[in-house]
Protein backbone atom coordinates (compact mmCIF):
# COMPACT_ATOMS: atom_id res chain seq x y z
CA MET A 1 -76.78 -87.33 -52.94
CA ASN A 2 -77.46 -88.52 -56.48
CA PRO A 3 -79.88 -91.43 -56.92
CA VAL A 4 -78.44 -94.82 -57.83
CA THR A 5 -78.43 -95.21 -61.60
CA ARG A 6 -77.15 -97.81 -64.02
CA SER A 7 -74.17 -95.59 -64.85
CA GLY A 8 -73.46 -95.12 -61.17
CA ARG A 9 -73.53 -98.87 -60.54
CA ILE A 10 -71.14 -99.48 -63.43
CA ALA A 11 -68.74 -96.81 -62.14
CA ALA A 12 -68.92 -98.26 -58.63
CA ALA A 13 -68.23 -101.77 -59.94
CA ILE A 14 -65.19 -100.52 -61.87
CA ALA A 15 -63.94 -98.68 -58.76
CA VAL A 16 -64.19 -101.82 -56.62
CA ALA A 17 -62.56 -103.95 -59.35
CA THR A 18 -59.74 -101.40 -59.62
CA ALA A 19 -59.13 -101.54 -55.86
CA ILE A 20 -59.01 -105.35 -56.03
CA LEU A 21 -56.54 -105.13 -58.93
CA VAL A 22 -54.22 -102.86 -56.95
CA ALA A 23 -54.51 -104.94 -53.78
CA ALA A 24 -53.96 -108.28 -55.53
CA PRO A 25 -50.13 -108.10 -55.74
CA VAL A 26 -49.82 -107.28 -52.04
CA ILE A 27 -52.12 -110.17 -51.09
CA SER A 28 -50.15 -112.46 -53.39
CA ILE A 29 -46.82 -111.43 -51.85
CA ILE A 30 -48.12 -112.06 -48.33
CA ALA A 31 -49.40 -115.49 -49.39
CA LEU A 32 -46.04 -116.36 -50.97
CA ALA A 33 -44.19 -115.10 -47.91
CA LEU A 34 -46.06 -117.58 -45.71
CA GLN A 35 -44.31 -120.44 -47.47
CA PRO A 36 -41.17 -121.68 -45.66
CA ALA A 37 -37.74 -120.86 -47.05
CA PRO A 38 -35.35 -121.81 -44.21
CA ASP A 39 -32.29 -122.60 -46.35
CA VAL A 40 -32.44 -119.28 -48.14
CA TRP A 41 -32.99 -117.29 -44.95
CA GLN A 42 -30.01 -118.81 -43.21
CA HIS A 43 -27.83 -117.72 -46.13
CA LEU A 44 -29.44 -114.27 -46.21
CA ILE A 45 -28.97 -113.75 -42.47
CA ASP A 46 -25.34 -114.90 -42.55
CA TYR A 47 -24.10 -113.20 -45.69
CA VAL A 48 -26.62 -110.78 -47.19
CA LEU A 49 -29.06 -109.00 -44.88
CA PRO A 50 -26.72 -107.17 -42.46
CA ALA A 51 -24.85 -105.37 -45.26
CA THR A 52 -27.97 -105.03 -47.41
CA ILE A 53 -30.09 -103.37 -44.73
CA LEU A 54 -27.24 -101.02 -43.84
CA ASP A 55 -26.60 -100.08 -47.49
CA THR A 56 -30.31 -99.54 -48.11
CA ALA A 57 -30.67 -97.30 -45.05
CA LEU A 58 -27.56 -95.30 -45.95
CA LEU A 59 -28.63 -94.96 -49.58
CA LEU A 60 -32.15 -93.81 -48.67
CA GLY A 61 -30.85 -91.40 -46.05
CA GLY A 62 -28.08 -90.03 -48.26
CA VAL A 63 -30.25 -89.52 -51.35
CA ALA A 64 -33.03 -87.97 -49.25
CA ALA A 65 -30.63 -85.55 -47.53
CA LEU A 66 -28.84 -84.48 -50.72
CA SER A 67 -32.10 -84.16 -52.68
CA LEU A 68 -33.57 -82.14 -49.82
CA ALA A 69 -30.60 -79.77 -49.81
CA ILE A 70 -30.57 -79.27 -53.60
CA GLY A 71 -34.34 -79.13 -54.06
CA THR A 72 -35.02 -76.82 -51.12
CA GLY A 73 -32.11 -74.50 -51.89
CA THR A 74 -33.00 -74.07 -55.55
CA ALA A 75 -36.73 -73.71 -54.85
CA TRP A 76 -36.14 -71.03 -52.22
CA THR A 77 -33.70 -69.15 -54.46
CA VAL A 78 -35.93 -68.96 -57.55
CA SER A 79 -39.16 -68.45 -55.59
CA LEU A 80 -38.15 -65.63 -53.27
CA HIS A 81 -35.41 -63.86 -55.28
CA GLU A 82 -35.27 -62.01 -58.58
CA PHE A 83 -32.09 -62.22 -60.67
CA ARG A 84 -30.95 -62.47 -64.27
CA GLY A 85 -31.70 -65.89 -65.75
CA ARG A 86 -34.34 -66.79 -63.15
CA LYS A 87 -37.16 -67.42 -65.66
CA MET A 88 -34.95 -69.77 -67.64
CA LEU A 89 -34.16 -71.73 -64.47
CA LEU A 90 -37.88 -72.26 -63.83
CA TRP A 91 -37.95 -74.44 -66.95
CA LEU A 92 -34.55 -76.04 -66.50
CA LEU A 93 -34.60 -77.11 -62.85
CA PRO A 94 -37.23 -79.89 -63.22
CA LEU A 95 -35.59 -81.39 -66.34
CA PRO A 96 -33.40 -83.99 -64.52
CA LEU A 97 -36.68 -85.88 -63.97
CA SER A 98 -36.44 -86.84 -67.65
CA ILE A 99 -33.24 -88.80 -66.92
CA PRO A 100 -33.97 -92.25 -65.43
CA THR A 101 -31.71 -93.12 -62.50
CA TYR A 102 -30.21 -96.08 -64.33
CA LEU A 103 -29.26 -93.89 -67.31
CA ALA A 104 -27.50 -91.40 -65.05
CA ALA A 105 -25.55 -94.24 -63.45
CA TYR A 106 -24.49 -95.69 -66.80
CA VAL A 107 -23.42 -92.29 -68.14
CA TYR A 108 -21.39 -91.21 -65.13
CA VAL A 109 -19.60 -94.54 -64.80
CA ASP A 110 -18.65 -94.30 -68.49
CA LEU A 111 -17.42 -90.75 -68.00
CA PHE A 112 -15.32 -91.37 -64.88
CA GLU A 113 -14.00 -94.87 -65.40
CA PRO A 114 -10.30 -95.34 -66.37
CA LEU A 115 -9.88 -94.50 -70.07
CA GLY A 116 -13.19 -92.65 -69.94
CA LEU A 117 -13.65 -89.08 -71.18
CA VAL A 118 -12.72 -87.43 -67.87
CA HIS A 119 -9.61 -89.62 -67.47
CA LYS A 120 -8.47 -88.88 -71.03
CA THR A 121 -8.95 -85.15 -70.40
CA LEU A 122 -6.94 -85.23 -67.17
CA ALA A 123 -4.20 -87.28 -68.86
CA HIS A 124 -3.39 -84.30 -71.07
CA TRP A 125 -2.06 -82.44 -68.02
CA LEU A 126 -1.17 -85.20 -65.52
CA PRO A 127 0.73 -88.50 -65.59
CA LEU A 128 -1.53 -91.46 -66.29
CA GLN A 129 -1.47 -92.89 -62.76
CA ASP A 130 -2.07 -89.49 -61.15
CA ALA A 131 -5.06 -88.97 -63.41
CA VAL A 132 -6.49 -92.35 -62.35
CA ARG A 133 -6.06 -91.48 -58.66
CA MET A 134 -8.01 -88.25 -59.15
CA LEU A 135 -11.06 -90.05 -60.54
CA PRO A 136 -13.92 -90.47 -58.03
CA ASN A 137 -15.07 -94.03 -57.41
CA LEU A 138 -18.68 -93.88 -58.55
CA ARG A 139 -19.17 -97.62 -58.11
CA SER A 140 -19.71 -97.09 -54.41
CA LEU A 141 -22.37 -96.02 -51.94
CA PRO A 142 -21.35 -92.32 -51.97
CA GLY A 143 -21.28 -92.43 -55.79
CA ALA A 144 -24.78 -93.90 -55.88
CA VAL A 145 -26.06 -91.24 -53.46
CA VAL A 146 -24.75 -88.39 -55.61
CA VAL A 147 -25.83 -89.82 -58.97
CA ILE A 148 -29.36 -90.75 -57.87
CA ALA A 149 -29.92 -87.48 -55.98
CA LEU A 150 -28.90 -85.43 -59.02
CA VAL A 151 -31.86 -86.77 -61.01
CA LEU A 152 -34.42 -87.10 -58.21
CA TYR A 153 -34.07 -83.71 -56.47
CA PRO A 154 -36.83 -82.16 -58.70
CA TYR A 155 -39.43 -84.03 -56.62
CA VAL A 156 -38.38 -81.91 -53.64
CA TYR A 157 -37.90 -78.80 -55.79
CA LEU A 158 -41.41 -78.92 -57.29
CA SER A 159 -43.06 -79.59 -53.93
CA ALA A 160 -41.08 -76.92 -52.07
CA ARG A 161 -41.50 -74.31 -54.78
CA THR A 162 -45.28 -74.60 -54.56
CA MET A 163 -45.08 -73.66 -50.89
CA PHE A 164 -42.38 -70.97 -51.09
CA GLN A 165 -44.04 -68.92 -53.83
CA TYR A 166 -47.40 -68.86 -52.06
CA GLN A 167 -46.17 -67.85 -48.61
CA SER A 168 -47.83 -64.76 -47.19
CA ALA A 169 -45.78 -61.57 -46.93
CA GLU A 170 -46.87 -60.84 -43.35
CA PHE A 171 -44.56 -63.47 -41.85
CA ALA A 172 -41.42 -62.21 -43.58
CA GLU A 173 -42.35 -58.61 -42.77
CA ALA A 174 -42.85 -59.41 -39.08
CA ALA A 175 -39.47 -61.15 -38.97
CA LYS A 176 -37.79 -58.21 -40.69
CA THR A 177 -39.40 -55.81 -38.21
CA LEU A 178 -37.86 -57.86 -35.39
CA GLY A 179 -34.42 -57.58 -37.00
CA ALA A 180 -34.16 -61.07 -38.46
CA SER A 181 -31.75 -61.54 -41.36
CA ARG A 182 -32.68 -63.21 -44.62
CA TRP A 183 -31.12 -66.51 -43.50
CA THR A 184 -32.85 -66.37 -40.13
CA THR A 185 -36.17 -65.81 -41.89
CA PHE A 186 -35.45 -68.80 -44.11
CA TRP A 187 -34.57 -71.15 -41.23
CA ARG A 188 -37.19 -69.98 -38.75
CA ILE A 189 -40.16 -69.14 -41.02
CA SER A 190 -39.93 -70.24 -44.67
CA LEU A 191 -38.50 -73.70 -44.02
CA PRO A 192 -40.93 -74.73 -41.23
CA MET A 193 -43.91 -73.51 -43.28
CA ALA A 194 -42.72 -75.60 -46.23
CA ARG A 195 -42.43 -78.74 -44.08
CA PRO A 196 -45.53 -80.47 -45.54
CA ALA A 197 -44.27 -80.02 -49.10
CA LEU A 198 -40.76 -81.10 -48.15
CA ALA A 199 -42.14 -84.24 -46.50
CA VAL A 200 -44.03 -85.13 -49.70
CA GLY A 201 -40.96 -84.49 -51.87
CA VAL A 202 -38.61 -86.52 -49.69
CA ALA A 203 -41.11 -89.38 -49.52
CA LEU A 204 -41.31 -89.48 -53.33
CA VAL A 205 -37.51 -89.41 -53.60
CA SER A 206 -37.20 -92.26 -51.10
CA LEU A 207 -39.84 -94.35 -52.88
CA GLU A 208 -38.10 -93.87 -56.23
CA THR A 209 -34.73 -94.74 -54.67
CA LEU A 210 -36.17 -97.90 -53.14
CA ASN A 211 -37.75 -98.79 -56.51
CA ASP A 212 -34.44 -98.42 -58.35
CA ILE A 213 -32.57 -101.52 -59.38
CA GLY A 214 -30.56 -100.51 -62.46
CA ALA A 215 -28.50 -97.73 -60.86
CA SER A 216 -27.86 -99.37 -57.49
CA GLU A 217 -26.94 -102.73 -59.05
CA TYR A 218 -24.64 -101.09 -61.62
CA LEU A 219 -22.95 -98.94 -58.97
CA GLY A 220 -22.32 -101.94 -56.73
CA VAL A 221 -24.75 -101.09 -53.91
CA ARG A 222 -26.51 -104.15 -52.54
CA THR A 223 -29.92 -102.74 -51.66
CA LEU A 224 -32.94 -104.76 -50.60
CA THR A 225 -34.30 -104.39 -54.14
CA VAL A 226 -31.19 -106.00 -55.59
CA SER A 227 -31.38 -108.74 -52.93
CA VAL A 228 -35.00 -109.53 -53.88
CA PHE A 229 -33.91 -109.73 -57.52
CA THR A 230 -31.00 -112.10 -56.85
CA THR A 231 -32.95 -114.23 -54.35
CA TRP A 232 -35.71 -114.74 -56.88
CA LEU A 233 -33.68 -115.30 -60.05
CA ASN A 234 -30.24 -116.48 -58.90
CA ARG A 235 -31.23 -118.64 -55.92
CA GLY A 236 -34.62 -119.65 -57.36
CA SER A 237 -36.51 -118.95 -54.13
CA LEU A 238 -39.83 -117.26 -54.77
CA ALA A 239 -40.81 -117.55 -51.09
CA GLY A 240 -37.57 -115.97 -49.90
CA ALA A 241 -37.95 -113.11 -52.37
CA ALA A 242 -41.54 -112.60 -51.19
CA GLN A 243 -40.43 -112.47 -47.56
CA LEU A 244 -37.81 -109.85 -48.43
CA SER A 245 -40.49 -107.97 -50.35
CA CYS A 246 -42.69 -107.88 -47.25
CA PHE A 247 -39.78 -106.30 -45.42
CA MET A 248 -39.54 -103.70 -48.19
CA LEU A 249 -43.26 -103.01 -47.89
CA ALA A 250 -42.74 -102.37 -44.19
CA ILE A 251 -40.10 -99.78 -45.13
CA VAL A 252 -42.56 -98.22 -47.59
CA ALA A 253 -45.17 -98.02 -44.84
CA GLY A 254 -42.57 -96.36 -42.63
CA LEU A 255 -41.75 -93.79 -45.33
CA ILE A 256 -45.44 -92.96 -45.73
CA ALA A 257 -45.79 -92.64 -41.95
CA VAL A 258 -42.81 -90.26 -41.86
CA GLU A 259 -44.36 -88.22 -44.68
CA ARG A 260 -47.69 -87.98 -42.82
CA TYR A 261 -45.84 -87.08 -39.61
CA GLY A 262 -43.97 -84.35 -41.48
CA ARG A 263 -47.29 -82.81 -42.54
CA ARG A 264 -48.93 -82.95 -39.13
CA ASN A 265 -50.43 -79.87 -37.47
CA VAL A 266 -49.32 -77.53 -40.24
CA THR A 267 -51.67 -75.15 -41.98
CA THR A 268 -50.76 -73.49 -45.26
CA GLU A 269 -53.71 -71.14 -45.60
CA PHE A 270 -53.19 -67.43 -46.26
CA SER A 271 -54.07 -64.82 -43.73
CA ALA A 272 -57.49 -63.33 -44.38
CA GLU A 273 -56.21 -59.85 -43.40
CA SER A 274 -53.00 -59.98 -45.45
CA PRO A 275 -53.25 -62.25 -48.49
CA ARG A 276 -50.27 -60.57 -50.21
CA LEU A 277 -47.51 -62.88 -51.39
CA THR A 278 -43.93 -62.44 -50.25
CA PRO A 279 -42.09 -60.06 -52.63
CA ARG A 280 -39.00 -61.42 -54.36
CA THR A 281 -35.72 -59.93 -53.19
CA PRO A 282 -33.65 -58.51 -56.10
CA LEU A 283 -30.16 -59.98 -56.48
CA THR A 284 -27.86 -57.98 -58.73
CA GLY A 285 -24.22 -58.13 -59.68
CA ILE A 286 -22.10 -60.87 -58.17
CA LYS A 287 -24.91 -62.07 -55.87
CA GLY A 288 -27.21 -62.62 -58.84
CA GLY A 289 -24.42 -64.43 -60.68
CA TYR A 290 -23.80 -66.74 -57.72
CA ALA A 291 -27.52 -67.48 -57.40
CA PHE A 292 -27.79 -68.34 -61.09
CA ALA A 293 -24.67 -70.51 -61.06
CA ALA A 294 -25.74 -72.38 -57.90
CA CYS A 295 -29.15 -73.20 -59.38
CA LEU A 296 -27.72 -74.08 -62.79
CA LEU A 297 -25.15 -76.55 -61.41
CA PRO A 298 -27.62 -79.37 -60.56
CA VAL A 299 -29.26 -78.91 -63.97
CA VAL A 300 -25.89 -79.27 -65.70
CA LEU A 301 -24.93 -82.37 -63.70
CA GLY A 302 -28.37 -84.00 -63.57
CA PHE A 303 -29.57 -83.25 -67.11
CA LEU A 304 -27.18 -81.59 -69.55
CA VAL A 305 -24.18 -83.87 -68.95
CA PRO A 306 -26.18 -87.12 -69.50
CA LEU A 307 -28.06 -85.63 -72.47
CA LEU A 308 -24.93 -84.35 -74.23
CA TYR A 309 -23.02 -87.56 -73.54
CA LEU A 310 -25.80 -89.71 -75.01
CA ALA A 311 -25.99 -87.46 -78.08
CA GLN A 312 -22.19 -87.51 -78.49
CA GLN A 313 -22.03 -91.31 -78.26
CA SER A 314 -24.92 -91.70 -80.70
CA PHE A 315 -23.14 -89.54 -83.30
CA LYS A 316 -19.69 -91.01 -82.59
CA ARG A 317 -20.86 -94.59 -83.13
CA GLY A 318 -22.98 -93.79 -86.15
CA LEU A 319 -26.19 -94.86 -84.44
CA PHE A 320 -28.21 -92.20 -86.25
CA ALA A 321 -26.83 -93.07 -89.69
CA ASN A 322 -27.07 -96.83 -89.16
CA PHE A 323 -30.37 -97.02 -87.35
CA ASP A 324 -30.70 -100.57 -86.03
CA ALA A 325 -33.97 -102.24 -86.99
CA ALA A 326 -34.06 -103.83 -83.51
CA LEU A 327 -34.33 -100.32 -82.05
CA TRP A 328 -37.52 -99.73 -84.03
CA ARG A 329 -38.91 -102.94 -82.56
CA ASP A 330 -37.91 -102.01 -79.00
CA ALA A 331 -39.33 -98.51 -79.42
CA PHE A 332 -42.58 -99.95 -80.77
CA ASN A 333 -42.84 -102.32 -77.79
CA SER A 334 -42.21 -99.44 -75.37
CA VAL A 335 -44.79 -97.16 -76.99
CA ALA A 336 -47.36 -99.96 -77.31
CA PHE A 337 -47.07 -101.07 -73.67
CA ALA A 338 -47.03 -97.47 -72.42
CA SER A 339 -49.98 -96.37 -74.58
CA ILE A 340 -52.24 -99.26 -73.59
CA ALA A 341 -51.33 -98.87 -69.91
CA THR A 342 -51.86 -95.09 -70.01
CA LEU A 343 -55.32 -95.39 -71.58
CA THR A 344 -56.32 -98.14 -69.16
CA ALA A 345 -55.06 -96.26 -66.11
CA LEU A 346 -56.86 -93.10 -67.25
CA LEU A 347 -60.18 -94.91 -67.68
CA LEU A 348 -59.92 -96.76 -64.38
CA GLY A 349 -58.86 -93.63 -62.51
CA PHE A 350 -61.69 -91.62 -64.05
CA ALA A 351 -64.31 -94.26 -63.20
CA THR A 352 -63.01 -94.58 -59.63
CA ILE A 353 -63.21 -90.85 -58.91
CA LEU A 354 -66.47 -90.48 -60.80
CA ALA A 355 -68.09 -93.17 -58.64
CA TRP A 356 -67.09 -91.20 -55.54
CA ARG A 357 -68.28 -87.93 -57.08
CA TRP A 358 -71.70 -89.31 -57.98
CA ARG A 359 -72.44 -91.12 -54.74
CA PRO A 360 -69.84 -90.90 -51.95
CA ASN A 361 -69.98 -93.71 -49.40
CA GLY A 362 -67.61 -95.81 -47.32
CA LEU A 363 -67.00 -98.53 -49.92
CA ARG A 364 -66.21 -96.05 -52.69
CA PHE A 365 -63.98 -94.03 -50.38
CA VAL A 366 -61.95 -97.14 -49.54
CA ALA A 367 -61.77 -98.13 -53.22
CA MET A 368 -60.58 -94.65 -54.19
CA ASN A 369 -57.83 -94.66 -51.58
CA ILE A 370 -56.64 -98.17 -52.40
CA ALA A 371 -56.43 -97.19 -56.07
CA GLN A 372 -53.95 -94.46 -55.15
CA THR A 373 -51.55 -96.75 -53.26
CA GLY A 374 -50.04 -98.54 -56.25
CA TYR A 375 -47.26 -95.99 -56.63
CA THR A 376 -45.88 -96.99 -53.24
CA LEU A 377 -45.15 -100.50 -54.53
CA PRO A 378 -41.58 -100.82 -55.83
CA GLY A 379 -41.64 -102.17 -59.37
CA LEU A 380 -39.75 -105.33 -58.47
CA VAL A 381 -42.12 -106.11 -55.57
CA LEU A 382 -45.08 -105.44 -57.85
CA ALA A 383 -43.71 -107.84 -60.47
CA LEU A 384 -43.20 -110.52 -57.84
CA GLY A 385 -46.73 -110.04 -56.50
CA LEU A 386 -48.27 -110.21 -59.98
CA LEU A 387 -46.51 -113.39 -60.96
CA ALA A 388 -48.86 -115.79 -59.13
CA PRO A 389 -52.15 -114.05 -60.17
CA VAL A 390 -51.26 -113.80 -63.88
CA LEU A 391 -50.02 -117.39 -63.97
CA ALA A 392 -53.26 -118.46 -62.27
CA ILE A 393 -55.21 -116.65 -65.02
CA ASP A 394 -53.16 -118.36 -67.73
CA ASN A 395 -53.58 -121.76 -66.07
CA GLY A 396 -57.32 -121.17 -65.76
CA LEU A 397 -57.61 -120.28 -69.46
CA ASN A 398 -55.66 -123.42 -70.38
CA ALA A 399 -57.87 -125.55 -68.14
CA LEU A 400 -60.98 -124.02 -69.71
CA ALA A 401 -59.65 -124.68 -73.22
CA GLY A 402 -58.88 -128.28 -72.30
CA TRP A 403 -62.36 -128.76 -70.83
CA LEU A 404 -63.88 -127.41 -74.05
CA GLY A 405 -61.72 -129.76 -76.10
CA GLN A 406 -59.71 -126.91 -77.68
CA SER A 407 -55.93 -126.72 -78.10
CA LEU A 408 -54.17 -125.16 -75.11
CA PRO A 409 -53.39 -121.46 -75.74
CA GLY A 410 -50.31 -121.40 -73.50
CA LEU A 411 -49.25 -118.34 -71.51
CA ILE A 412 -51.63 -115.74 -72.90
CA VAL A 413 -51.27 -113.01 -70.25
CA VAL A 414 -47.53 -113.41 -69.69
CA GLY A 415 -46.69 -114.23 -73.30
CA SER A 416 -48.59 -111.28 -74.78
CA GLY A 417 -47.08 -108.62 -72.55
CA ALA A 418 -50.40 -108.07 -70.77
CA ALA A 419 -48.62 -108.66 -67.45
CA VAL A 420 -46.33 -105.69 -68.18
CA VAL A 421 -49.36 -103.50 -68.95
CA ILE A 422 -51.09 -104.61 -65.75
CA ALA A 423 -47.98 -103.77 -63.73
CA TYR A 424 -47.80 -100.31 -65.32
CA VAL A 425 -51.48 -99.67 -64.61
CA ILE A 426 -51.20 -100.67 -60.95
CA ARG A 427 -47.98 -98.77 -60.33
CA PHE A 428 -49.01 -95.51 -62.02
CA LEU A 429 -52.78 -95.52 -61.42
CA ALA A 430 -52.21 -93.04 -58.59
CA VAL A 431 -51.28 -90.37 -61.15
CA PRO A 432 -54.57 -90.15 -63.10
CA THR A 433 -56.54 -90.80 -59.91
CA GLY A 434 -54.82 -87.89 -58.18
CA PHE A 435 -54.99 -85.54 -61.19
CA ILE A 436 -58.67 -86.25 -61.84
CA LYS A 437 -59.57 -86.01 -58.15
CA ALA A 438 -57.90 -82.58 -58.01
CA GLY A 439 -59.71 -81.59 -61.21
CA PHE A 440 -63.10 -82.64 -59.81
CA GLU A 441 -62.44 -80.61 -56.66
CA ARG A 442 -62.32 -77.51 -58.86
CA ILE A 443 -65.77 -78.26 -60.34
CA PRO A 444 -68.51 -76.99 -57.99
CA HIS A 445 -71.26 -79.47 -57.15
CA ASP A 446 -73.68 -76.68 -58.12
CA TYR A 447 -72.90 -77.54 -61.75
CA ASP A 448 -74.13 -81.09 -61.18
CA ASP A 449 -77.23 -79.85 -59.36
CA SER A 450 -78.05 -77.38 -62.15
CA ALA A 451 -77.66 -80.07 -64.81
CA ARG A 452 -79.90 -82.45 -62.85
CA ALA A 453 -82.51 -79.71 -62.40
CA ALA A 454 -82.47 -79.19 -66.19
CA GLY A 455 -83.24 -82.88 -66.68
CA ALA A 456 -79.75 -84.06 -67.64
CA GLY A 457 -78.72 -87.51 -66.49
CA GLN A 458 -75.38 -88.43 -64.95
CA THR A 459 -73.91 -89.59 -68.25
CA THR A 460 -74.95 -86.39 -70.01
CA THR A 461 -73.54 -84.27 -67.17
CA MET A 462 -70.27 -86.19 -67.36
CA ARG A 463 -70.04 -85.74 -71.15
CA LEU A 464 -71.03 -82.08 -71.38
CA ILE A 465 -69.66 -80.67 -68.10
CA HIS A 466 -67.14 -82.91 -66.38
CA LEU A 467 -65.06 -84.07 -69.33
CA PRO A 468 -64.51 -80.60 -70.89
CA LEU A 469 -63.51 -79.12 -67.51
CA LEU A 470 -61.29 -82.10 -66.69
CA ARG A 471 -59.40 -82.01 -70.00
CA PRO A 472 -56.26 -80.24 -68.63
CA ALA A 473 -56.03 -82.62 -65.66
CA MET A 474 -56.52 -85.67 -67.87
CA LEU A 475 -53.95 -84.45 -70.38
CA GLY A 476 -51.44 -83.94 -67.58
CA ALA A 477 -52.14 -87.44 -66.27
CA VAL A 478 -51.67 -88.97 -69.73
CA ILE A 479 -48.31 -87.26 -70.19
CA VAL A 480 -46.94 -88.24 -66.78
CA VAL A 481 -48.11 -91.87 -66.93
CA PHE A 482 -46.84 -92.39 -70.48
CA VAL A 483 -43.37 -91.10 -69.65
CA ASP A 484 -43.20 -93.08 -66.40
CA CYS A 485 -44.12 -96.24 -68.30
CA LEU A 486 -41.36 -95.61 -70.85
CA LYS A 487 -38.79 -95.29 -68.03
CA GLU A 488 -39.98 -98.16 -65.82
CA LEU A 489 -37.29 -100.86 -65.62
CA PRO A 490 -37.76 -103.36 -62.73
CA ALA A 491 -41.32 -104.50 -63.52
CA THR A 492 -40.63 -104.54 -67.27
CA LEU A 493 -37.44 -106.51 -66.82
CA LEU A 494 -39.16 -109.33 -64.96
CA LEU A 495 -42.61 -109.50 -66.59
CA ARG A 496 -41.87 -108.94 -70.28
CA PRO A 497 -42.37 -111.92 -72.60
CA LEU A 498 -39.37 -113.95 -73.70
CA ASN A 499 -37.34 -112.32 -76.50
CA VAL A 500 -39.30 -109.07 -76.13
CA GLU A 501 -37.32 -105.95 -75.25
CA THR A 502 -38.35 -102.37 -74.57
CA LEU A 503 -36.07 -99.35 -74.74
CA ALA A 504 -35.46 -99.57 -70.98
CA THR A 505 -34.64 -103.29 -70.93
CA SER A 506 -32.53 -102.99 -74.08
CA ILE A 507 -30.38 -100.35 -72.40
CA TYR A 508 -30.12 -102.56 -69.31
CA GLN A 509 -28.92 -105.47 -71.46
CA TYR A 510 -26.25 -103.32 -73.12
CA ALA A 511 -25.04 -102.08 -69.72
CA SER A 512 -24.97 -105.63 -68.33
CA ARG A 513 -22.68 -106.65 -71.20
CA GLY A 514 -20.38 -103.68 -70.57
CA SER A 515 -21.30 -101.94 -73.83
CA PHE A 516 -23.74 -99.26 -72.67
CA GLU A 517 -22.50 -96.88 -75.38
CA GLU A 518 -24.11 -99.09 -78.03
CA GLY A 519 -27.48 -98.36 -76.40
CA ALA A 520 -26.94 -94.60 -76.31
CA LEU A 521 -29.54 -93.89 -79.00
CA ALA A 522 -32.20 -95.93 -77.18
CA ALA A 523 -31.39 -93.98 -74.02
CA LEU A 524 -31.56 -90.72 -75.95
CA LEU A 525 -35.03 -91.64 -77.24
CA ILE A 526 -36.29 -92.13 -73.67
CA VAL A 527 -34.84 -88.79 -72.58
CA ALA A 528 -36.19 -86.99 -75.65
CA ALA A 529 -39.66 -88.39 -75.02
CA SER A 530 -39.53 -87.18 -71.42
CA ILE A 531 -38.24 -83.62 -71.89
CA GLY A 532 -41.44 -82.14 -73.34
CA PRO A 533 -43.79 -83.60 -70.72
CA VAL A 534 -41.54 -82.52 -67.84
CA ALA A 535 -41.36 -78.99 -69.27
CA TRP A 536 -45.15 -79.01 -69.80
CA LEU A 537 -45.70 -79.67 -66.12
CA THR A 538 -43.90 -76.41 -65.23
CA ARG A 539 -45.63 -74.13 -67.74
CA PHE A 540 -47.80 -72.37 -65.15
CA SER A 541 -45.38 -72.74 -62.22
CA ASP A 542 -44.60 -69.03 -61.79
CA VAL A 543 -46.92 -66.60 -60.03
CA PRO A 544 -46.58 -62.84 -59.69
CA ALA A 545 -44.78 -61.87 -56.51
CA GLY A 546 -46.19 -59.44 -54.01
CA PRO A 547 -45.22 -55.76 -54.19
CA ALA A 548 -41.84 -54.97 -52.69
C-alpha cells in the first residue's frame, strides 16, 4: 500500500466530496418527502396513481421486452453469422442511440398524424377517411413502447454483442455433436450465457425509459415521471412530488436488484483447454438477404427515418438559409453547459478512482461506489432533489453578503446555470468513473511499484504513466458525457435559469406549442453531434471469429 501523501489526501478529500455531492439530492428528496401533503395524496390516490402505476409498469415492461427482442436478435445475427453487409451493420446498429427519445416521439407523431406525410401518401391511393383509419395511433401506450424501444434497443445490442462474439466454440460444438439445431443452440446455450449482459442492457433501457418525460408526455402516457412533473409544477406541491420521487427511487432500486439477480452465478470466462471463439456461420443467398434486412429494419426506423425527416423539414422551412440567431444562443448554452459539466465530471471521476488506486480502504471504496450511482437517478428526480440544496447555497451567499454589508447577489447558483451543470455532473459521473476504473484495471500495479522504486512520487507516476495509458478511456468518457448532456431534457427543463434555453428545451417548447417542425434544425444539431461519438464507441467492436 502506498504511503499517505499530500496528493493522496487531496484525492481522498475530492472522492469523499464527490460522494457527498451525489448523495445530496437523494437525502434532500427524503427530507422533502417527510413533509405532509395530505390534500395532494388524496387526489393522487383517487385520480392519478392507479392509472399512472399501471401505465409505468406496462411501459417499462413493453419497452424492455421489445428492446430485448431487437437487441438480442440483431446482436446474435451479426456476431455469430457472416453475410453480405454485415460489417456495415456493425456501425449502423448502435446509431439509434444518437436519437433522443423525445425527438423520436415528435418525429413519428408528425409523420403519422392526420395530414402528415404518411397520411398524404396513403391518400393518393385510398379515400381520405380510409387513409385516416389505417394510421396507427402513436399517442398511446403501444405507440410509446414501439417508439421508445426503437431508439433504446442499442443498449441491449451492445451488451449482448460483447458476450456473443466472445463465446467459446466448445459449447456450440458439443451441442452440434448432440444433434442440436442452430435455434436450439441459441436458446439453450448462447442466450443463457449472455444473461449477464442482457440483464445490464435491459436495466439501462428501463432506467432511460423511467427517466424520459418528453416522449411519454407527448404520446399521452401518464408515467410516474410525468406525475412528479405535474404534481410539482401544476399543483405546486413540492412535498407530494418528493414522495412520488421516493416511490420512483424504489422502482430504480428494484431494477438494479433485477439486474444483479440476472447476473448471479454466471461465469463468462473462456475454457483454458479450448479458448477458440465460436466461428461465424456463413449465410448466403436469400438467407443472407433476410438477415441483412432484419438487422437493417430497426436502424431504418430508429435512426434513418428521424434523421431524414429532420433534414427534410429543415430544408423545407428554410431553416438553413434563414438561420435563427436564437438557435446560435441555444446551441451556445448547450455546448457551454455540456462542456463545463463534462470537464468537471472527468476531473471528479479521475480523482475518485485515483484515490482508490493509491490507497484502497473502506471509506474510499464506499465513495467510489456512491459516485457511480448518479446515473440511476431519473433527471426529474435529480432536479427535484437539487432544488433545496442549491437554494440553500444561494440563500447562504445572500445572507453572507448582507452580513458583510454588500448588496445581495440574488440567485447565483440557479441564475447562472450552475444548477444545470451540477445536475449533469451527478447524473453522468458514473460514465467517467466507470471508464477510468476500467482503464486503471488494465494498468498493472507493477508499473506503480517500478516508478516508486525509481524515486518517482505519486504525482509524477500519475503524469508520466497513468494519464498517457488512460487517454483512450478518458477520451471515450468525454465523448459519452458530452453527448448525454446535450440530450438531457428533464433536469435541464426544470433547473435552467429563466429565459435561458438549450437545444433540448427549445425543441420541447416548439413541440409543446404544436410546431415541432420549426425546431427541426435544433433537433438535427443534437443528432449530428451524437452520430460521431456513437460510431466512435463501436470502432473496435468486431473481433476475428474462430476457424470454421
